[in-house]
Amino acid sequence: EWTPRVLDVLEREGVRGAFFLIGRRADRAAPVTRRIAEAGHDLGNHTWSHTSLWRSGPRETEREIVQGHGAIADAAGRAPAFFRPPWGKTNLAMFATLRRCDVPCVFWTVQPEGRRPVTPAEQSRRGTARARAGAIYDLHDADGVPGAGSRLVAYLPALIKGLRAEGYSLVPLRDLL
């Protein structure tokens, strides 16, 4: 529901983002997934079902990553170039699977909203205040905290404006890394 609105904001602002997609959702929402790719945004794999890799053995870890990777590639028309584990939780099996998929694991440095709802104005303020050269933002348009998508759409233009006013360039993840 919220991803198309986020894409509209990014298009208006001339920003290319990175979307870490859950494979089964990318599959169910293939037109949105395709739109992300066609707009030139980076694609990342966020596993098939957003399960905690801490609780997954080697076979389950591989299945989550490989199945997510394939579903995103099928829906988008191109393979994801990055991977981010749900909640940043890793295990040793993950790294071998990522090598086979030839994708790096990418975390984040700024997260304006954690486990509890934060107003759009406060998220914009936090996001701008925590900016540093090379920062990678973790913004959610689904899941996590209820209502996160509507809050993101509300504050994303102000965050972009605030970062630009501070002199930051917003670049795709592929350029940053």
C-alpha atoms as a PDB file:
ATOM      1  CA  GLU A   1       0.000   0.000   0.000  1.00  0.00           C
ATOM      2  CA  TRP A   2       2.696   2.522   0.944  1.00  0.00           C
ATOM      3  CA  THR A   3       5.531   1.590  -1.410  1.00  0.00           C
ATOM      4  CA  PRO A   4       3.962   3.269  -4.473  1.00  0.00           C
ATOM      5  CA  ARG A   5       3.587   6.463  -2.442  1.00  0.00           C
ATOM      6  CA  VAL A   6       7.232   6.268  -1.349  1.00  0.00           C
ATOM      7  CA  LEU A   7       8.207   5.765  -4.990  1.00  0.00           C
ATOM      8  CA  ASP A   8       6.202   8.869  -5.927  1.00  0.00           C
ATOM      9  CA  VAL A   9       8.065  10.951  -3.325  1.00  0.00           C
ATOM     10  CA  LEU A  10      11.451   9.660  -4.467  1.00  0.00           C
ATOM     11  CA  GLU A  11      10.584  10.373  -8.095  1.00  0.00           C
ATOM     12  CA  ARG A  12       9.480  13.950  -7.292  1.00  0.00           C
ATOM     13  CA  GLU A  13      12.689  14.516  -5.335  1.00  0.00           C
ATOM     14  CA  GLY A  14      14.991  12.857  -7.890  1.00  0.00           C
ATOM     15  CA  VAL A  15      16.296  10.331  -5.355  1.00  0.00           C
ATOM     16  CA  ARG A  16      17.247   6.707  -5.994  1.00  0.00           C
ATOM     17  CA  GLY A  17      16.830   4.463  -2.965  1.00  0.00           C
ATOM     18  CA  ALA A  18      17.482   0.864  -2.070  1.00  0.00           C
ATOM     19  CA  PHE A  19      14.511  -1.382  -1.397  1.00  0.00           C
ATOM     20  CA  PHE A  20      15.166  -4.484   0.677  1.00  0.00           C
ATOM     21  CA  LEU A  21      12.246  -6.682  -0.279  1.00  0.00           C
ATOM     22  CA  ILE A  22      10.727  -9.702   1.388  1.00  0.00           C
ATOM     23  CA  GLY A  23      10.585 -12.352  -1.324  1.00  0.00           C
ATOM     24  CA  ARG A  24       7.040 -13.584  -0.789  1.00  0.00           C
ATOM     25  CA  ARG A  25       5.751 -10.000  -0.809  1.00  0.00           C
ATOM     26  CA  ALA A  26       7.750  -9.147  -3.930  1.00  0.00           C
ATOM     27  CA  ASP A  27       6.130 -12.159  -5.562  1.00  0.00           C
ATOM     28  CA  ARG A  28       2.605 -11.145  -4.465  1.00  0.00           C
ATOM     29  CA  ALA A  29       3.145  -7.513  -5.490  1.00  0.00           C
ATOM     30  CA  ALA A  30       5.104  -8.082  -8.701  1.00  0.00           C
ATOM     31  CA  PRO A  31       3.894  -4.862 -10.408  1.00  0.00           C
ATOM     32  CA  VAL A  32       5.214  -2.769  -7.494  1.00  0.00           C
ATOM     33  CA  THR A  33       8.457  -4.754  -7.449  1.00  0.00           C
ATOM     34  CA  ARG A  34       8.853  -4.191 -11.190  1.00  0.00           C
ATOM     35  CA  ARG A  35       8.175  -0.467 -10.728  1.00  0.00           C
ATOM     36  CA  ILE A  36      10.960  -0.241  -8.127  1.00  0.00           C
ATOM     37  CA  ALA A  37      13.413  -1.833 -10.550  1.00  0.00           C
ATOM     38  CA  GLU A  38      12.280   0.149 -13.591  1.00  0.00           C
ATOM     39  CA  ALA A  39      12.632   3.423 -11.664  1.00  0.00           C
ATOM     40  CA  GLY A  40      16.329   2.642 -11.161  1.00  0.00           C
ATOM     41  CA  HIS A  41      16.279   1.905  -7.447  1.00  0.00           C
ATOM     42  CA  ASP A  42      18.598  -0.689  -5.974  1.00  0.00           C
ATOM     43  CA  LEU A  43      17.102  -4.029  -5.045  1.00  0.00           C
ATOM     44  CA  GLY A  44      17.985  -5.900  -1.902  1.00  0.00           C
ATOM     45  CA  ASN A  45      16.913  -9.291  -0.597  1.00  0.00           C
ATOM     46  CA  HIS A  46      15.399  -9.297   2.895  1.00  0.00           C
ATOM     47  CA  THR A  47      14.779 -13.093   2.887  1.00  0.00           C
ATOM     48  CA  TRP A  48      11.740 -15.000   1.695  1.00  0.00           C
ATOM     49  CA  SER A  49       9.581 -14.561   4.794  1.00  0.00           C
ATOM     50  CA  HIS A  50      11.383 -12.143   7.156  1.00  0.00           C
ATOM     51  CA  THR A  51      12.250 -14.848   9.636  1.00  0.00           C
ATOM     52  CA  SER A  52      14.990 -14.400  12.216  1.00  0.00           C
ATOM     53  CA  LEU A  53      18.184 -16.030  11.004  1.00  0.00           C
ATOM     54  CA  TRP A  54      19.203 -16.398  14.660  1.00  0.00           C
ATOM     55  CA  ARG A  55      16.515 -19.050  14.903  1.00  0.00           C
ATOM     56  CA  SER A  56      17.352 -20.708  11.576  1.00  0.00           C
ATOM     57  CA  GLY A  57      19.686 -23.595  10.922  1.00  0.00           C
ATOM     58  CA  PRO A  58      21.918 -23.746   7.843  1.00  0.00           C
ATOM     59  CA  ARG A  59      19.298 -25.293   5.525  1.00  0.00           C
ATOM     60  CA  GLU A  60      16.555 -22.893   6.562  1.00  0.00           C
ATOM     61  CA  THR A  61      18.954 -19.936   6.224  1.00  0.00           C
ATOM     62  CA  GLU A  62      19.911 -20.977   2.716  1.00  0.00           C
ATOM     63  CA  ARG A  63      16.287 -21.544   1.724  1.00  0.00           C
ATOM     64  CA  GLU A  64      15.210 -18.137   3.073  1.00  0.00           C
ATOM     65  CA  ILE A  65      17.972 -16.319   1.199  1.00  0.00           C
ATOM     66  CA  VAL A  66      17.876 -18.267  -2.066  1.00  0.00           C
ATOM     67  CA  GLN A  67      14.083 -18.353  -2.311  1.00  0.00           C
ATOM     68  CA  GLY A  68      13.874 -14.629  -1.521  1.00  0.00           C
ATOM     69  CA  HIS A  69      16.582 -13.866  -4.081  1.00  0.00           C
ATOM     70  CA  GLY A  70      14.768 -15.825  -6.785  1.00  0.00           C
ATOM     71  CA  ALA A  71      11.350 -14.354  -6.066  1.00  0.00           C
ATOM     72  CA  ILE A  72      12.686 -10.802  -6.201  1.00  0.00           C
ATOM     73  CA  ALA A  73      14.595 -11.496  -9.432  1.00  0.00           C
ATOM     74  CA  ASP A  74      11.497 -13.016 -11.042  1.00  0.00           C
ATOM     75  CA  ALA A  75       9.196 -10.185  -9.967  1.00  0.00           C
ATOM     76  CA  ALA A  76      11.607  -7.343 -10.753  1.00  0.00           C
ATOM     77  CA  GLY A  77      13.194  -8.689 -13.907  1.00  0.00           C
ATOM     78  CA  ARG A  78      16.654  -8.443 -12.349  1.00  0.00           C
ATOM     79  CA  ALA A  79      18.364  -9.982  -9.367  1.00  0.00           C
ATOM     80  CA  PRO A  80      18.841  -8.128  -6.094  1.00  0.00           C
ATOM     81  CA  ALA A  81      22.340  -6.740  -5.644  1.00  0.00           C
ATOM     82  CA  PHE A  82      22.327  -6.590  -1.832  1.00  0.00           C
ATOM     83  CA  PHE A  83      21.117  -8.495   1.208  1.00  0.00           C
ATOM     84  CA  ARG A  84      19.972  -7.357   4.632  1.00  0.00           C
ATOM     85  CA  PRO A  85      19.005  -9.870   7.321  1.00  0.00           C
ATOM     86  CA  PRO A  86      15.777  -9.221   9.220  1.00  0.00           C
ATOM     87  CA  TRP A  87      16.479  -7.173  12.363  1.00  0.00           C
ATOM     88  CA  GLY A  88      20.193  -7.328  11.488  1.00  0.00           C
ATOM     89  CA  LYS A  89      20.399 -10.816  12.975  1.00  0.00           C
ATOM     90  CA  THR A  90      22.949 -13.031  11.271  1.00  0.00           C
ATOM     91  CA  ASN A  91      24.315 -16.543  11.536  1.00  0.00           C
ATOM     92  CA  LEU A  92      27.371 -18.249  10.078  1.00  0.00           C
ATOM     93  CA  ALA A  93      25.440 -20.081   7.365  1.00  0.00           C
ATOM     94  CA  MET A  94      24.233 -16.749   5.986  1.00  0.00           C
ATOM     95  CA  PHE A  95      27.685 -15.646   4.839  1.00  0.00           C
ATOM     96  CA  ALA A  96      28.399 -18.784   2.777  1.00  0.00           C
ATOM     97  CA  THR A  97      24.992 -18.483   1.095  1.00  0.00           C
ATOM     98  CA  LEU A  98      25.581 -14.813   0.304  1.00  0.00           C
ATOM     99  CA  ARG A  99      28.931 -15.672  -1.290  1.00  0.00           C
ATOM    100  CA  ARG A 100      27.177 -18.218  -3.522  1.00  0.00           C
ATOM    101  CA  CYS A 101      24.547 -15.606  -4.439  1.00  0.00           C
ATOM    102  CA  ASP A 102      27.342 -13.062  -4.994  1.00  0.00           C
ATOM    103  CA  VAL A 103      25.694 -10.325  -2.923  1.00  0.00           C
ATOM    104  CA  PRO A 104      27.091  -8.340   0.004  1.00  0.00           C
ATOM    105  CA  CYS A 105      25.354  -8.014   3.340  1.00  0.00           C
ATOM    106  CA  VAL A 106      24.445  -4.381   4.014  1.00  0.00           C
ATOM    107  CA  PHE A 107      23.359  -2.990   7.377  1.00  0.00           C
ATOM    108  CA  TRP A 108      22.350   0.576   8.284  1.00  0.00           C
ATOM    109  CA  THR A 109      23.704   3.452  10.322  1.00  0.00           C
ATOM    110  CA  VAL A 110      20.610   5.617  10.843  1.00  0.00           C
ATOM    111  CA  GLN A 111      17.165   4.427  11.895  1.00  0.00           C
ATOM    112  CA  PRO A 112      14.811   7.322  12.721  1.00  0.00           C
ATOM    113  CA  GLU A 113      12.120   4.994  14.079  1.00  0.00           C
ATOM    114  CA  GLY A 114      12.847   1.954  16.215  1.00  0.00           C
ATOM    115  CA  ARG A 115      10.342  -0.302  17.960  1.00  0.00           C
ATOM    116  CA  ARG A 116       7.866   2.406  18.970  1.00  0.00           C
ATOM    117  CA  PRO A 117       5.997   4.920  16.813  1.00  0.00           C
ATOM    118  CA  VAL A 118       7.756   8.243  16.324  1.00  0.00           C
ATOM    119  CA  THR A 119       5.987  11.264  14.844  1.00  0.00           C
ATOM    120  CA  PRO A 120       6.907  12.251  11.298  1.00  0.00           C
ATOM    121  CA  ALA A 121       8.370  15.571  12.492  1.00  0.00           C
ATOM    122  CA  GLU A 122      10.581  13.811  15.038  1.00  0.00           C
ATOM    123  CA  GLN A 123      11.731  11.227  12.504  1.00  0.00           C
ATOM    124  CA  SER A 124      12.710  13.999  10.103  1.00  0.00           C
ATOM    125  CA  ARG A 125      14.575  15.795  12.885  1.00  0.00           C
ATOM    126  CA  ARG A 126      16.359  12.624  14.010  1.00  0.00           C
ATOM    127  CA  GLY A 127      17.212  11.607  10.473  1.00  0.00           C
ATOM    128  CA  THR A 128      18.783  14.961   9.716  1.00  0.00           C
ATOM    129  CA  ALA A 129      20.580  15.236  13.078  1.00  0.00           C
ATOM    130  CA  ARG A 130      22.109  11.755  12.756  1.00  0.00           C
ATOM    131  CA  ALA A 131      23.372  12.287   9.222  1.00  0.00           C
ATOM    132  CA  ARG A 132      27.017  11.586   8.490  1.00  0.00           C
ATOM    133  CA  ALA A 133      28.927  11.121   5.258  1.00  0.00           C
ATOM    134  CA  GLY A 134      28.256   7.595   4.033  1.00  0.00           C
ATOM    135  CA  ALA A 135      25.194   7.074   6.234  1.00  0.00           C
ATOM    136  CA  ILE A 136      22.782   4.335   5.226  1.00  0.00           C
ATOM    137  CA  TYR A 137      19.195   4.958   6.321  1.00  0.00           C
ATOM    138  CA  ASP A 138      16.820   2.210   7.410  1.00  0.00           C
ATOM    139  CA  LEU A 139      13.306   3.457   6.651  1.00  0.00           C
ATOM    140  CA  HIS A 140      10.230   1.250   6.682  1.00  0.00           C
ATOM    141  CA  ASP A 141       7.143   1.517   4.533  1.00  0.00           C
ATOM    142  CA  ALA A 142       5.671  -1.737   5.860  1.00  0.00           C
ATOM    143  CA  ASP A 143       5.711  -3.961   8.922  1.00  0.00           C
ATOM    144  CA  GLY A 144       7.686  -3.102  11.981  1.00  0.00           C
ATOM    145  CA  VAL A 145       5.840  -0.471  13.942  1.00  0.00           C
ATOM    146  CA  PRO A 146       2.142  -0.126  13.009  1.00  0.00           C
ATOM    147  CA  GLY A 147       1.538   2.917  10.824  1.00  0.00           C
ATOM    148  CA  ALA A 148       5.190   3.174   9.761  1.00  0.00           C
ATOM    149  CA  GLY A 149       4.291   3.521   6.074  1.00  0.00           C
ATOM    150  CA  SER A 150       2.035   6.531   6.517  1.00  0.00           C
ATOM    151  CA  ARG A 151       4.589   8.223   8.770  1.00  0.00           C
ATOM    152  CA  LEU A 152       7.379   7.601   6.230  1.00  0.00           C
ATOM    153  CA  VAL A 153       5.374   9.139   3.406  1.00  0.00           C
ATOM    154  CA  ALA A 154       4.627  12.127   5.651  1.00  0.00           C
ATOM    155  CA  TYR A 155       8.217  12.860   6.667  1.00  0.00           C
ATOM    156  CA  LEU A 156      10.312  11.652   3.710  1.00  0.00           C
ATOM    157  CA  PRO A 157      10.117  14.962   1.776  1.00  0.00           C
ATOM    158  CA  ALA A 158      11.219  16.916   4.872  1.00  0.00           C
ATOM    159  CA  LEU A 159      14.064  14.467   5.540  1.00  0.00           C
ATOM    160  CA  ILE A 160      15.331  14.785   1.968  1.00  0.00           C
ATOM    161  CA  LYS A 161      15.079  18.586   2.138  1.00  0.00           C
ATOM    162  CA  GLY A 162      16.855  18.642   5.520  1.00  0.00           C
ATOM    163  CA  LEU A 163      19.710  16.429   4.326  1.00  0.00           C
ATOM    164  CA  ARG A 164      20.191  18.522   1.210  1.00  0.00           C
ATOM    165  CA  ALA A 165      20.146  21.719   3.286  1.00  0.00           C
ATOM    166  CA  GLU A 166      22.983  20.237   5.366  1.00  0.00           C
ATOM    167  CA  GLY A 167      24.967  19.731   2.154  1.00  0.00           C
ATOM    168  CA  TYR A 168      24.527  15.992   1.750  1.00  0.00           C
ATOM    169  CA  SER A 169      24.114  14.297  -1.615  1.00  0.00           C
ATOM    170  CA  LEU A 170      21.661  11.424  -1.701  1.00  0.00           C
ATOM    171  CA  VAL A 171      23.180   8.663  -3.799  1.00  0.00           C
ATOM    172  CA  PRO A 172      22.116   5.101  -4.618  1.00  0.00           C
ATOM    173  CA  LEU A 173      23.548   2.370  -2.445  1.00  0.00           C
ATOM    174  CA  ARG A 174      25.466   0.981  -5.446  1.00  0.00           C
ATOM    175  CA  ASP A 175      27.346   4.295  -5.694  1.00  0.00           C
ATOM    176  CA  LEU A 176      27.924   4.597  -1.972  1.00  0.00           C
ATOM    177  CA  LEU A 177      29.440   1.130  -1.674  1.00  0.00           C
END
